[in-house]
Amino acid sequence: MGALQINPYKKDTLHLLGSQTMSHNETAQTVDILIRSTGRPELTKALASLAAQTHTPIHVYIADAAAAGLAIEESYSFPIEVVSASQKMARSQAANALLQRASSPFALFLDEDDWLLPDHIQKLVQALAHAPQAVLAYTDTRCVQLDANGQETVVREYIRTYQAEHLMLENYIPIHAALFRRTPKVQQCRFDETLDLFEDWDYWLQLQQTGLFVHQSGIS
């Protein structure tokens, strides 16, 4: 499907409870994928990882942060809408433009130089379905560096169970590791546009004030 140009408008660890009844309505809900892009070639790999997801449906919004007239040439099984502006958007501005466009019950940020394993979204949707009191679920993450031959070298892994006080000291939830509910309180949260670094950490701390987080173990 071709891209549609749209102008943006300017505690304690909680464990998954096996005794809770999973909401099958939630597991079938659409997930909005929010991508900030400056047109880097890695965007193709990020979109390919979305095409391989076991969870459907998804709806992809891409912020054209470089204001370069971003166009998605390849067709995918999910809709893609490009959120454009008349001028370049900084990281937090692009994130807020995407939040303004999101409309589904769940959302997940995916930067264009990141990619997801096929079960990532499904794991997180199921985690939130098992924990209806939670506003965010996240998995473990592996950071890799690619050499000229495409071989991966592991640089770092983020593997940590959720503790609210630790998140106030260090951000251990990479932005694409987390799926969040768009509850009324969450929808009031926005990225601080005075920040161009650690803006995702600040956003998680805001969401943490609205409800509980859950950790779903396993790198995805």
N, C-alpha and C. Protein backbone atom coordinates (compact mmCIF):
# COMPACT_ATOMS: atom_id res chain seq x y z
N MET A 1 0.86 -1.19 0.00
CA MET A 1 0.00 0.00 0.00
C MET A 1 0.88 1.23 0.00
N GLY A 2 0.54 2.20 -0.80
CA GLY A 2 1.33 3.42 -0.87
C GLY A 2 1.17 4.26 0.37
N ALA A 3 2.13 5.15 0.57
CA ALA A 3 2.09 6.02 1.75
C ALA A 3 1.09 7.14 1.54
N LEU A 4 0.42 7.51 2.60
CA LEU A 4 -0.53 8.62 2.60
C LEU A 4 0.09 9.78 3.36
N GLN A 5 0.24 10.91 2.73
CA GLN A 5 0.84 12.07 3.38
C GLN A 5 -0.18 12.72 4.32
N ILE A 6 0.22 12.90 5.57
CA ILE A 6 -0.67 13.51 6.57
C ILE A 6 0.13 14.56 7.32
N ASN A 7 -0.43 15.72 7.49
CA ASN A 7 0.24 16.77 8.26
C ASN A 7 -0.02 16.56 9.75
N PRO A 8 1.02 16.61 10.60
CA PRO A 8 0.82 16.43 12.03
C PRO A 8 0.22 17.67 12.67
N TYR A 9 -0.46 17.47 13.79
CA TYR A 9 -0.94 18.54 14.63
C TYR A 9 0.09 18.72 15.73
N LYS A 10 0.15 20.38 15.31
CA LYS A 10 1.18 20.81 16.26
C LYS A 10 0.49 20.97 17.62
N LYS A 11 7.64 0.85 44.03
CA LYS A 11 6.77 -0.12 43.53
C LYS A 11 7.46 -1.40 43.29
N ASP A 12 6.71 -1.82 42.87
CA ASP A 12 7.34 -3.13 42.92
C ASP A 12 7.17 -3.80 41.58
N THR A 13 8.00 -4.89 41.40
CA THR A 13 7.88 -5.66 40.19
C THR A 13 6.51 -6.32 40.13
N LEU A 14 5.86 -6.23 38.95
CA LEU A 14 4.57 -6.87 38.75
C LEU A 14 4.79 -8.10 37.88
N HIS A 15 4.46 -9.27 38.38
CA HIS A 15 4.63 -10.50 37.63
C HIS A 15 3.34 -10.83 36.91
N LEU A 16 3.46 -11.51 35.77
CA LEU A 16 2.28 -11.94 35.05
C LEU A 16 1.54 -12.98 35.88
N LEU A 17 0.24 -12.86 35.95
CA LEU A 17 -0.57 -13.74 36.78
C LEU A 17 -1.25 -14.77 35.90
N GLY A 18 -0.85 -16.01 36.02
CA GLY A 18 -1.41 -17.06 35.20
C GLY A 18 -2.86 -17.34 35.52
N SER A 19 -3.32 -16.94 36.70
CA SER A 19 -4.69 -17.21 37.08
C SER A 19 -5.68 -16.23 36.44
N GLN A 20 -5.16 -15.13 35.85
CA GLN A 20 -6.04 -14.16 35.25
C GLN A 20 -6.52 -14.66 33.88
N THR A 21 -7.71 -14.30 33.51
CA THR A 21 -8.25 -14.67 32.22
C THR A 21 -7.77 -13.68 31.16
N MET A 22 -7.17 -14.21 30.11
CA MET A 22 -6.69 -13.35 29.04
C MET A 22 -7.86 -12.78 28.25
N SER A 23 -7.78 -11.52 27.93
CA SER A 23 -8.79 -10.89 27.11
C SER A 23 -8.51 -11.17 25.64
N HIS A 24 -9.32 -12.03 25.03
CA HIS A 24 -9.11 -12.34 23.62
C HIS A 24 -9.44 -11.14 22.74
N ASN A 25 -10.33 -10.27 23.22
CA ASN A 25 -10.61 -9.04 22.48
C ASN A 25 -9.35 -8.19 22.37
N GLU A 26 -8.57 -8.12 23.45
CA GLU A 26 -7.34 -7.32 23.43
C GLU A 26 -6.30 -7.93 22.50
N THR A 27 -6.18 -9.25 22.50
CA THR A 27 -5.13 -9.88 21.69
C THR A 27 -5.40 -9.73 20.20
N ALA A 28 -6.61 -9.34 19.83
CA ALA A 28 -6.94 -9.15 18.41
C ALA A 28 -6.95 -7.67 18.02
N GLN A 29 -6.57 -6.79 18.94
CA GLN A 29 -6.63 -5.36 18.68
C GLN A 29 -5.48 -4.90 17.78
N THR A 30 -5.75 -3.82 17.06
CA THR A 30 -4.72 -3.22 16.21
C THR A 30 -3.64 -2.56 17.08
N VAL A 31 -2.40 -2.68 16.66
CA VAL A 31 -1.27 -2.02 17.31
C VAL A 31 -0.72 -0.96 16.36
N ASP A 32 -0.61 0.25 16.84
CA ASP A 32 0.01 1.32 16.06
C ASP A 32 1.52 1.28 16.25
N ILE A 33 2.25 1.26 15.15
CA ILE A 33 3.72 1.30 15.18
C ILE A 33 4.15 2.70 14.78
N LEU A 34 4.93 3.34 15.64
CA LEU A 34 5.30 4.74 15.46
C LEU A 34 6.80 4.83 15.17
N ILE A 35 7.13 5.29 13.96
CA ILE A 35 8.52 5.30 13.50
C ILE A 35 8.97 6.72 13.20
N ARG A 36 10.07 7.14 13.82
CA ARG A 36 10.70 8.42 13.48
C ARG A 36 11.77 8.13 12.44
N SER A 37 11.68 8.82 11.31
CA SER A 37 12.60 8.51 10.21
C SER A 37 13.23 9.77 9.64
N THR A 38 14.52 9.64 9.32
CA THR A 38 15.21 10.67 8.55
C THR A 38 15.59 10.12 7.17
N GLY A 39 14.93 9.03 6.78
CA GLY A 39 15.17 8.44 5.47
C GLY A 39 16.39 7.55 5.40
N ARG A 40 16.83 7.02 6.54
CA ARG A 40 18.00 6.14 6.53
C ARG A 40 17.67 4.82 5.85
N PRO A 41 18.65 4.17 5.22
CA PRO A 41 18.37 2.90 4.52
C PRO A 41 17.93 1.78 5.46
N GLU A 42 18.24 1.89 6.76
CA GLU A 42 17.83 0.86 7.71
C GLU A 42 16.31 0.77 7.86
N LEU A 43 15.59 1.80 7.41
CA LEU A 43 14.14 1.78 7.52
C LEU A 43 13.55 0.55 6.83
N THR A 44 14.15 0.13 5.72
CA THR A 44 13.65 -1.04 4.99
C THR A 44 13.68 -2.29 5.86
N LYS A 45 14.76 -2.46 6.63
CA LYS A 45 14.86 -3.62 7.50
C LYS A 45 13.86 -3.54 8.65
N ALA A 46 13.65 -2.35 9.19
CA ALA A 46 12.67 -2.18 10.25
C ALA A 46 11.28 -2.56 9.76
N LEU A 47 10.91 -2.11 8.57
CA LEU A 47 9.60 -2.45 8.01
C LEU A 47 9.49 -3.93 7.70
N ALA A 48 10.58 -4.53 7.25
CA ALA A 48 10.57 -5.98 6.97
C ALA A 48 10.33 -6.77 8.25
N SER A 49 10.87 -6.28 9.37
CA SER A 49 10.65 -6.98 10.63
C SER A 49 9.20 -6.86 11.07
N LEU A 50 8.53 -5.78 10.69
CA LEU A 50 7.10 -5.64 10.98
C LEU A 50 6.28 -6.58 10.11
N ALA A 51 6.70 -6.74 8.87
CA ALA A 51 5.99 -7.63 7.95
C ALA A 51 6.04 -9.08 8.42
N ALA A 52 7.06 -9.42 9.23
CA ALA A 52 7.22 -10.79 9.71
C ALA A 52 6.53 -11.04 11.04
N GLN A 53 5.86 -10.05 11.61
CA GLN A 53 5.25 -10.20 12.93
C GLN A 53 4.10 -11.21 12.91
N THR A 54 4.02 -12.00 13.97
CA THR A 54 2.94 -12.98 14.10
C THR A 54 1.65 -12.33 14.55
N HIS A 55 1.73 -11.12 15.12
CA HIS A 55 0.51 -10.41 15.52
C HIS A 55 0.01 -9.53 14.38
N THR A 56 -1.26 -9.63 14.11
CA THR A 56 -1.93 -8.71 13.20
C THR A 56 -3.28 -8.37 13.82
N PRO A 57 -3.84 -7.20 13.53
CA PRO A 57 -3.35 -6.21 12.57
C PRO A 57 -2.44 -5.18 13.21
N ILE A 58 -1.64 -4.52 12.37
CA ILE A 58 -0.85 -3.38 12.80
C ILE A 58 -1.07 -2.23 11.82
N HIS A 59 -0.83 -1.02 12.29
CA HIS A 59 -0.95 0.18 11.47
C HIS A 59 0.31 0.99 11.71
N VAL A 60 1.01 1.35 10.65
CA VAL A 60 2.31 2.00 10.77
C VAL A 60 2.20 3.49 10.43
N TYR A 61 2.72 4.32 11.32
CA TYR A 61 2.84 5.75 11.10
C TYR A 61 4.33 6.09 11.08
N ILE A 62 4.78 6.79 10.06
CA ILE A 62 6.19 7.16 9.94
C ILE A 62 6.30 8.67 9.89
N ALA A 63 7.03 9.25 10.84
CA ALA A 63 7.26 10.69 10.85
C ALA A 63 8.43 11.02 9.94
N ASP A 64 8.19 11.85 8.94
CA ASP A 64 9.24 12.31 8.03
C ASP A 64 9.98 13.45 8.73
N ALA A 65 10.87 13.07 9.66
CA ALA A 65 11.52 14.06 10.52
C ALA A 65 12.46 14.99 9.74
N ALA A 66 12.96 14.53 8.60
CA ALA A 66 13.86 15.34 7.80
C ALA A 66 13.11 16.26 6.84
N ALA A 67 11.78 16.13 6.78
CA ALA A 67 10.95 16.93 5.85
C ALA A 67 11.48 16.82 4.43
N ALA A 68 11.84 15.59 4.04
CA ALA A 68 12.45 15.35 2.74
C ALA A 68 11.49 14.72 1.74
N GLY A 69 10.21 14.68 2.08
CA GLY A 69 9.25 14.05 1.18
C GLY A 69 9.39 12.55 1.16
N LEU A 70 9.46 11.94 2.34
CA LEU A 70 9.64 10.50 2.45
C LEU A 70 8.53 9.75 1.74
N ALA A 71 8.91 8.77 0.93
CA ALA A 71 7.95 7.93 0.22
C ALA A 71 8.32 6.48 0.42
N ILE A 72 7.33 5.65 0.67
CA ILE A 72 7.55 4.21 0.84
C ILE A 72 7.16 3.53 -0.46
N GLU A 73 8.14 3.02 -1.16
CA GLU A 73 7.90 2.45 -2.48
C GLU A 73 7.36 1.03 -2.43
N GLU A 74 7.82 0.25 -1.47
CA GLU A 74 7.42 -1.16 -1.41
C GLU A 74 6.03 -1.30 -0.79
N SER A 75 5.31 -2.34 -1.23
CA SER A 75 3.99 -2.61 -0.69
C SER A 75 4.09 -3.57 0.48
N TYR A 76 3.24 -3.35 1.48
CA TYR A 76 3.20 -4.21 2.66
C TYR A 76 1.76 -4.62 2.94
N SER A 77 1.61 -5.61 3.80
CA SER A 77 0.28 -6.11 4.14
C SER A 77 -0.44 -5.22 5.14
N PHE A 78 0.24 -4.20 5.64
CA PHE A 78 -0.34 -3.29 6.63
C PHE A 78 -0.33 -1.87 6.06
N PRO A 79 -1.25 -1.03 6.52
CA PRO A 79 -1.26 0.35 6.04
C PRO A 79 -0.10 1.15 6.61
N ILE A 80 0.45 2.04 5.80
CA ILE A 80 1.52 2.95 6.21
C ILE A 80 1.08 4.37 5.90
N GLU A 81 1.16 5.24 6.88
CA GLU A 81 0.86 6.65 6.69
C GLU A 81 2.09 7.46 7.08
N VAL A 82 2.50 8.35 6.22
CA VAL A 82 3.65 9.22 6.47
C VAL A 82 3.15 10.53 7.08
N VAL A 83 3.66 10.84 8.26
CA VAL A 83 3.30 12.08 8.96
C VAL A 83 4.36 13.11 8.61
N SER A 84 3.98 14.11 7.84
CA SER A 84 4.95 15.07 7.34
C SER A 84 4.70 16.46 7.91
N ALA A 85 5.71 17.30 7.81
CA ALA A 85 5.62 18.68 8.29
C ALA A 85 6.33 19.58 7.29
N SER A 86 6.12 20.87 7.42
CA SER A 86 6.73 21.83 6.49
C SER A 86 8.20 22.08 6.78
N GLN A 87 8.65 21.63 7.96
CA GLN A 87 10.05 21.79 8.32
C GLN A 87 10.52 20.58 9.12
N LYS A 88 11.83 20.49 9.31
CA LYS A 88 12.39 19.36 10.03
C LYS A 88 11.85 19.29 11.45
N MET A 89 11.71 18.05 11.94
CA MET A 89 11.26 17.83 13.31
C MET A 89 12.39 17.21 14.13
N ALA A 90 12.64 17.76 15.31
CA ALA A 90 13.58 17.13 16.24
C ALA A 90 12.96 15.84 16.76
N ARG A 91 13.77 15.07 17.47
CA ARG A 91 13.33 13.73 17.89
C ARG A 91 12.03 13.78 18.70
N SER A 92 11.97 14.67 19.68
CA SER A 92 10.77 14.74 20.52
C SER A 92 9.58 15.29 19.75
N GLN A 93 9.82 16.23 18.85
CA GLN A 93 8.74 16.75 18.02
C GLN A 93 8.15 15.66 17.14
N ALA A 94 9.02 14.85 16.54
CA ALA A 94 8.55 13.77 15.68
C ALA A 94 7.75 12.75 16.49
N ALA A 95 8.22 12.45 17.69
CA ALA A 95 7.50 11.50 18.54
C ALA A 95 6.11 12.03 18.89
N ASN A 96 6.01 13.29 19.21
CA ASN A 96 4.71 13.88 19.55
C ASN A 96 3.77 13.92 18.35
N ALA A 97 4.32 14.18 17.15
CA ALA A 97 3.49 14.15 15.95
C ALA A 97 2.90 12.76 15.74
N LEU A 98 3.69 11.74 16.03
CA LEU A 98 3.21 10.36 15.90
C LEU A 98 2.16 10.03 16.95
N LEU A 99 2.39 10.47 18.19
CA LEU A 99 1.40 10.24 19.25
C LEU A 99 0.08 10.91 18.90
N GLN A 100 0.14 12.06 18.24
CA GLN A 100 -1.08 12.78 17.85
C GLN A 100 -1.88 11.98 16.82
N ARG A 101 -1.18 11.24 15.97
CA ARG A 101 -1.85 10.47 14.92
C ARG A 101 -2.35 9.12 15.41
N ALA A 102 -1.73 8.55 16.44
CA ALA A 102 -2.10 7.22 16.92
C ALA A 102 -3.56 7.18 17.33
N SER A 103 -4.22 6.06 17.03
CA SER A 103 -5.64 5.94 17.34
C SER A 103 -6.04 4.56 17.84
N SER A 104 -5.13 3.60 17.81
CA SER A 104 -5.45 2.23 18.21
C SER A 104 -5.27 2.05 19.72
N PRO A 105 -5.77 0.95 20.28
CA PRO A 105 -5.66 0.73 21.73
C PRO A 105 -4.22 0.59 22.23
N PHE A 106 -3.32 0.11 21.37
CA PHE A 106 -1.92 -0.10 21.76
C PHE A 106 -1.00 0.64 20.79
N ALA A 107 0.18 1.01 21.29
CA ALA A 107 1.18 1.65 20.43
C ALA A 107 2.57 1.21 20.83
N LEU A 108 3.47 1.23 19.85
CA LEU A 108 4.87 0.85 20.07
C LEU A 108 5.75 1.71 19.19
N PHE A 109 6.77 2.32 19.76
CA PHE A 109 7.74 3.09 18.99
C PHE A 109 8.80 2.15 18.43
N LEU A 110 9.14 2.36 17.16
CA LEU A 110 10.20 1.60 16.51
C LEU A 110 11.04 2.57 15.71
N ASP A 111 12.25 2.86 16.18
CA ASP A 111 13.13 3.74 15.41
C ASP A 111 13.65 2.99 14.19
N GLU A 112 14.00 3.74 13.16
CA GLU A 112 14.28 3.11 11.87
C GLU A 112 15.55 2.26 11.85
N ASP A 113 16.43 2.41 12.83
CA ASP A 113 17.63 1.58 12.87
C ASP A 113 17.48 0.41 13.84
N ASP A 114 16.24 0.11 14.24
CA ASP A 114 15.95 -1.03 15.10
C ASP A 114 15.06 -2.02 14.36
N TRP A 115 15.04 -3.26 14.82
CA TRP A 115 14.12 -4.23 14.24
C TRP A 115 13.66 -5.21 15.30
N LEU A 116 12.56 -5.89 14.99
CA LEU A 116 11.89 -6.76 15.95
C LEU A 116 11.92 -8.21 15.48
N LEU A 117 12.04 -9.14 16.42
CA LEU A 117 11.86 -10.55 16.09
C LEU A 117 10.37 -10.81 15.89
N PRO A 118 10.02 -11.86 15.13
CA PRO A 118 8.62 -12.05 14.70
C PRO A 118 7.58 -12.14 15.81
N ASP A 119 7.97 -12.58 17.01
CA ASP A 119 6.97 -12.75 18.07
C ASP A 119 6.90 -11.56 19.03
N HIS A 120 7.63 -10.50 18.74
CA HIS A 120 7.76 -9.39 19.69
C HIS A 120 6.41 -8.77 20.06
N ILE A 121 5.67 -8.34 19.06
CA ILE A 121 4.41 -7.66 19.35
C ILE A 121 3.41 -8.62 19.99
N GLN A 122 3.34 -9.82 19.50
CA GLN A 122 2.40 -10.80 20.07
C GLN A 122 2.69 -11.06 21.54
N LYS A 123 3.96 -11.19 21.90
CA LYS A 123 4.33 -11.40 23.30
C LYS A 123 3.85 -10.25 24.18
N LEU A 124 4.02 -9.04 23.69
CA LEU A 124 3.67 -7.88 24.50
C LEU A 124 2.16 -7.70 24.61
N VAL A 125 1.44 -7.92 23.53
CA VAL A 125 -0.02 -7.84 23.58
C VAL A 125 -0.57 -8.86 24.57
N GLN A 126 -0.04 -10.07 24.52
CA GLN A 126 -0.49 -11.11 25.45
C GLN A 126 -0.13 -10.76 26.89
N ALA A 127 1.04 -10.15 27.09
CA ALA A 127 1.44 -9.76 28.44
C ALA A 127 0.47 -8.75 29.02
N LEU A 128 0.06 -7.77 28.23
CA LEU A 128 -0.89 -6.78 28.71
C LEU A 128 -2.28 -7.37 28.88
N ALA A 129 -2.64 -8.33 28.04
CA ALA A 129 -3.94 -8.99 28.18
C ALA A 129 -4.00 -9.79 29.48
N HIS A 130 -2.88 -10.32 29.92
CA HIS A 130 -2.80 -11.06 31.20
C HIS A 130 -2.76 -10.11 32.39
N ALA A 131 -2.44 -8.84 32.15
CA ALA A 131 -2.28 -7.87 33.24
C ALA A 131 -3.08 -6.62 32.91
N PRO A 132 -4.40 -6.68 33.03
CA PRO A 132 -5.23 -5.54 32.61
C PRO A 132 -4.98 -4.28 33.40
N GLN A 133 -4.33 -4.38 34.58
CA GLN A 133 -4.04 -3.19 35.37
C GLN A 133 -2.77 -2.49 34.92
N ALA A 134 -2.03 -3.09 34.01
CA ALA A 134 -0.75 -2.52 33.56
C ALA A 134 -0.97 -1.60 32.36
N VAL A 135 -0.11 -0.59 32.24
CA VAL A 135 -0.17 0.33 31.10
C VAL A 135 0.93 0.06 30.08
N LEU A 136 1.95 -0.71 30.47
CA LEU A 136 3.08 -0.93 29.57
C LEU A 136 3.69 -2.30 29.85
N ALA A 137 4.07 -2.99 28.77
CA ALA A 137 4.82 -4.25 28.87
C ALA A 137 6.07 -4.14 28.01
N TYR A 138 7.17 -4.73 28.48
CA TYR A 138 8.41 -4.67 27.71
C TYR A 138 9.14 -6.00 27.76
N THR A 139 9.98 -6.23 26.76
CA THR A 139 10.78 -7.44 26.70
C THR A 139 12.26 -7.07 26.80
N ASP A 140 13.09 -8.09 26.76
CA ASP A 140 14.54 -7.89 26.78
C ASP A 140 15.03 -7.52 25.38
N THR A 141 16.18 -6.87 25.34
CA THR A 141 16.70 -6.31 24.09
C THR A 141 18.18 -6.61 23.93
N ARG A 142 18.57 -6.88 22.71
CA ARG A 142 20.00 -7.08 22.39
C ARG A 142 20.44 -5.99 21.43
N CYS A 143 21.52 -5.30 21.77
CA CYS A 143 22.12 -4.30 20.89
C CYS A 143 23.27 -4.95 20.14
N VAL A 144 23.26 -4.83 18.82
CA VAL A 144 24.30 -5.45 18.01
C VAL A 144 24.92 -4.44 17.08
N GLN A 145 26.16 -4.73 16.68
CA GLN A 145 26.85 -3.92 15.68
C GLN A 145 27.10 -4.82 14.47
N LEU A 146 26.80 -4.29 13.28
CA LEU A 146 26.99 -5.06 12.05
C LEU A 146 28.29 -4.65 11.37
N ASP A 147 29.06 -5.65 10.92
CA ASP A 147 30.27 -5.33 10.16
C ASP A 147 29.93 -5.23 8.68
N ALA A 148 30.94 -5.04 7.86
CA ALA A 148 30.72 -4.85 6.43
C ALA A 148 30.08 -6.05 5.76
N ASN A 149 30.23 -7.22 6.37
CA ASN A 149 29.65 -8.46 5.82
C ASN A 149 28.29 -8.79 6.42
N GLY A 150 27.79 -7.90 7.26
CA GLY A 150 26.49 -8.13 7.86
C GLY A 150 26.53 -9.05 9.07
N GLN A 151 27.72 -9.35 9.57
CA GLN A 151 27.85 -10.20 10.75
C GLN A 151 27.60 -9.38 12.02
N GLU A 152 26.89 -9.98 12.96
CA GLU A 152 26.52 -9.27 14.17
C GLU A 152 27.52 -9.51 15.30
N THR A 153 27.83 -8.44 16.02
CA THR A 153 28.59 -8.53 17.26
C THR A 153 27.72 -7.93 18.36
N VAL A 154 27.50 -8.70 19.42
CA VAL A 154 26.67 -8.23 20.51
C VAL A 154 27.43 -7.16 21.30
N VAL A 155 26.81 -6.00 21.44
CA VAL A 155 27.41 -4.88 22.16
C VAL A 155 26.90 -4.83 23.60
N ARG A 156 25.59 -5.06 23.76
CA ARG A 156 24.99 -4.97 25.09
C ARG A 156 23.63 -5.66 25.07
N GLU A 157 23.22 -6.16 26.21
CA GLU A 157 21.88 -6.70 26.36
C GLU A 157 21.18 -6.01 27.53
N TYR A 158 19.93 -5.66 27.33
CA TYR A 158 19.09 -5.09 28.39
C TYR A 158 18.17 -6.19 28.89
N ILE A 159 18.47 -6.72 30.07
CA ILE A 159 17.67 -7.78 30.67
C ILE A 159 17.48 -7.42 32.14
N ARG A 160 16.30 -6.93 32.46
CA ARG A 160 16.06 -6.53 33.84
C ARG A 160 14.56 -6.58 34.14
N THR A 161 14.22 -7.20 35.26
CA THR A 161 12.84 -7.18 35.72
C THR A 161 12.46 -5.78 36.16
N TYR A 162 11.19 -5.51 36.16
CA TYR A 162 10.72 -4.16 36.42
C TYR A 162 10.78 -3.80 37.90
N GLN A 163 11.41 -2.68 38.18
CA GLN A 163 11.37 -2.04 39.49
C GLN A 163 11.29 -0.54 39.24
N ALA A 164 10.21 0.04 39.75
CA ALA A 164 9.93 1.45 39.46
C ALA A 164 11.07 2.36 39.89
N GLU A 165 11.64 2.10 41.07
CA GLU A 165 12.69 2.98 41.56
C GLU A 165 13.96 2.89 40.71
N HIS A 166 14.24 1.71 40.14
CA HIS A 166 15.42 1.56 39.29
C HIS A 166 15.25 2.33 37.98
N LEU A 167 14.01 2.38 37.49
CA LEU A 167 13.78 3.13 36.25
C LEU A 167 14.00 4.62 36.46
N MET A 168 13.87 5.08 37.68
CA MET A 168 14.14 6.50 37.97
C MET A 168 15.64 6.79 37.97
N LEU A 169 16.45 5.76 38.12
CA LEU A 169 17.90 5.93 38.15
C LEU A 169 18.56 5.64 36.81
N GLU A 170 17.94 4.74 36.03
CA GLU A 170 18.55 4.32 34.76
C GLU A 170 17.45 3.83 33.83
N ASN A 171 17.58 4.19 32.56
CA ASN A 171 16.61 3.69 31.58
C ASN A 171 17.09 2.35 31.04
N TYR A 172 16.41 1.29 31.41
CA TYR A 172 16.74 -0.05 30.94
C TYR A 172 15.67 -0.59 29.99
N ILE A 173 14.82 0.31 29.47
CA ILE A 173 13.78 -0.09 28.53
C ILE A 173 14.00 0.66 27.21
N PRO A 174 14.72 0.08 26.27
CA PRO A 174 14.86 0.72 24.95
C PRO A 174 13.48 0.98 24.35
N ILE A 175 13.39 2.02 23.54
CA ILE A 175 12.08 2.51 23.14
C ILE A 175 11.26 1.46 22.39
N HIS A 176 11.91 0.61 21.57
CA HIS A 176 11.16 -0.39 20.80
C HIS A 176 10.89 -1.66 21.59
N ALA A 177 11.38 -1.73 22.83
CA ALA A 177 11.14 -2.91 23.66
C ALA A 177 9.75 -2.91 24.27
N ALA A 178 9.07 -1.76 24.24
CA ALA A 178 7.85 -1.58 25.05
C ALA A 178 6.61 -1.34 24.19
N LEU A 179 5.53 -1.95 24.62
CA LEU A 179 4.19 -1.72 24.07
C LEU A 179 3.36 -1.07 25.17
N PHE A 180 2.62 -0.02 24.86
CA PHE A 180 1.84 0.65 25.89
C PHE A 180 0.39 0.81 25.48
N ARG A 181 -0.48 0.81 26.49
CA ARG A 181 -1.89 1.06 26.25
C ARG A 181 -2.11 2.56 26.09
N ARG A 182 -2.99 2.92 25.21
CA ARG A 182 -3.33 4.33 25.04
C ARG A 182 -4.54 4.65 25.91
N THR A 183 -4.34 4.54 27.22
CA THR A 183 -5.40 4.89 28.17
C THR A 183 -5.59 6.41 28.16
N PRO A 184 -6.70 6.91 28.70
CA PRO A 184 -6.88 8.37 28.75
C PRO A 184 -5.72 9.10 29.43
N LYS A 185 -5.20 8.53 30.52
CA LYS A 185 -4.08 9.18 31.21
C LYS A 185 -2.80 9.13 30.37
N VAL A 186 -2.55 8.00 29.71
CA VAL A 186 -1.37 7.88 28.86
C VAL A 186 -1.45 8.86 27.70
N GLN A 187 -2.64 9.05 27.16
CA GLN A 187 -2.79 9.97 26.03
C GLN A 187 -2.50 11.42 26.41
N GLN A 188 -2.51 11.72 27.69
CA GLN A 188 -2.16 13.06 28.13
C GLN A 188 -0.65 13.28 28.20
N CYS A 189 0.12 12.21 28.15
CA CYS A 189 1.58 12.30 28.24
C CYS A 189 2.17 12.65 26.88
N ARG A 190 3.20 13.46 26.88
CA ARG A 190 3.89 13.87 25.67
C ARG A 190 5.39 13.92 25.91
N PHE A 191 6.16 13.81 24.82
CA PHE A 191 7.61 13.95 24.90
C PHE A 191 7.96 15.41 25.17
N ASP A 192 8.95 15.62 26.01
CA ASP A 192 9.42 16.96 26.34
C ASP A 192 10.25 17.47 25.16
N GLU A 193 9.74 18.47 24.46
CA GLU A 193 10.40 18.94 23.24
C GLU A 193 11.63 19.80 23.51
N THR A 194 11.96 20.01 24.78
CA THR A 194 13.23 20.66 25.11
C THR A 194 14.36 19.63 25.18
N LEU A 195 14.01 18.35 25.11
CA LEU A 195 15.00 17.28 25.20
C LEU A 195 15.27 16.69 23.83
N ASP A 196 16.53 16.47 23.51
CA ASP A 196 16.90 15.73 22.31
C ASP A 196 17.75 14.52 22.68
N LEU A 197 17.83 14.24 23.96
CA LEU A 197 18.55 13.09 24.49
C LEU A 197 17.80 12.63 25.72
N PHE A 198 17.67 11.30 25.87
CA PHE A 198 16.94 10.72 26.99
C PHE A 198 15.45 11.08 26.98
N GLU A 199 14.97 11.52 25.83
CA GLU A 199 13.56 11.90 25.75
C GLU A 199 12.63 10.70 25.95
N ASP A 200 13.09 9.52 25.53
CA ASP A 200 12.27 8.31 25.73
C ASP A 200 12.22 7.93 27.21
N TRP A 201 13.33 8.09 27.91
CA TRP A 201 13.37 7.81 29.35
C TRP A 201 12.39 8.72 30.10
N ASP A 202 12.42 10.01 29.76
CA ASP A 202 11.50 10.95 30.37
C ASP A 202 10.04 10.53 30.11
N TYR A 203 9.78 10.06 28.90
CA TYR A 203 8.42 9.64 28.55
C TYR A 203 8.00 8.42 29.37
N TRP A 204 8.91 7.45 29.54
CA TRP A 204 8.59 6.28 30.38
C TRP A 204 8.28 6.70 31.82
N LEU A 205 9.03 7.66 32.34
CA LEU A 205 8.78 8.11 33.71
C LEU A 205 7.40 8.76 33.83
N GLN A 206 6.98 9.44 32.77
CA GLN A 206 5.62 9.98 32.78
C GLN A 206 4.59 8.86 32.79
N LEU A 207 4.78 7.86 31.92
CA LEU A 207 3.84 6.74 31.86
C LEU A 207 3.81 5.96 33.16
N GLN A 208 4.97 5.89 33.81
CA GLN A 208 5.05 5.16 35.07
C GLN A 208 4.14 5.79 36.14
N GLN A 209 3.88 7.07 36.01
CA GLN A 209 2.99 7.74 36.95
C GLN A 209 1.52 7.40 36.70
N THR A 210 1.23 6.80 35.56
CA THR A 210 -0.16 6.50 35.21
C THR A 210 -0.55 5.06 35.52
N GLY A 211 0.42 4.17 35.76
CA GLY A 211 0.07 2.78 36.02
C GLY A 211 1.29 1.89 36.07
N LEU A 212 1.05 0.60 36.21
CA LEU A 212 2.11 -0.39 36.38
C LEU A 212 2.71 -0.82 35.05
N PHE A 213 3.97 -1.26 35.11
CA PHE A 213 4.66 -1.86 33.98
C PHE A 213 4.83 -3.35 34.24
N VAL A 214 4.91 -4.15 33.18
CA VAL A 214 5.20 -5.57 33.32
C VAL A 214 6.38 -5.94 32.42
N HIS A 215 7.17 -6.89 32.90
CA HIS A 215 8.33 -7.36 32.15
C HIS A 215 8.02 -8.76 31.61
N GLN A 216 8.16 -8.93 30.31
CA GLN A 216 8.02 -10.23 29.66
C GLN A 216 9.41 -10.68 29.27
N SER A 217 9.94 -11.70 29.92
CA SER A 217 11.32 -12.09 29.71
C SER A 217 11.54 -12.67 28.31
N GLY A 218 12.77 -12.58 27.87
CA GLY A 218 13.15 -13.10 26.56
C GLY A 218 13.45 -11.99 25.59
N ILE A 219 14.56 -12.13 24.87
CA ILE A 219 14.97 -11.11 23.90
C ILE A 219 14.12 -11.23 22.64
N SER A 220 13.50 -10.12 22.26
CA SER A 220 12.74 -10.14 21.00
C SER A 220 12.82 -8.81 20.26
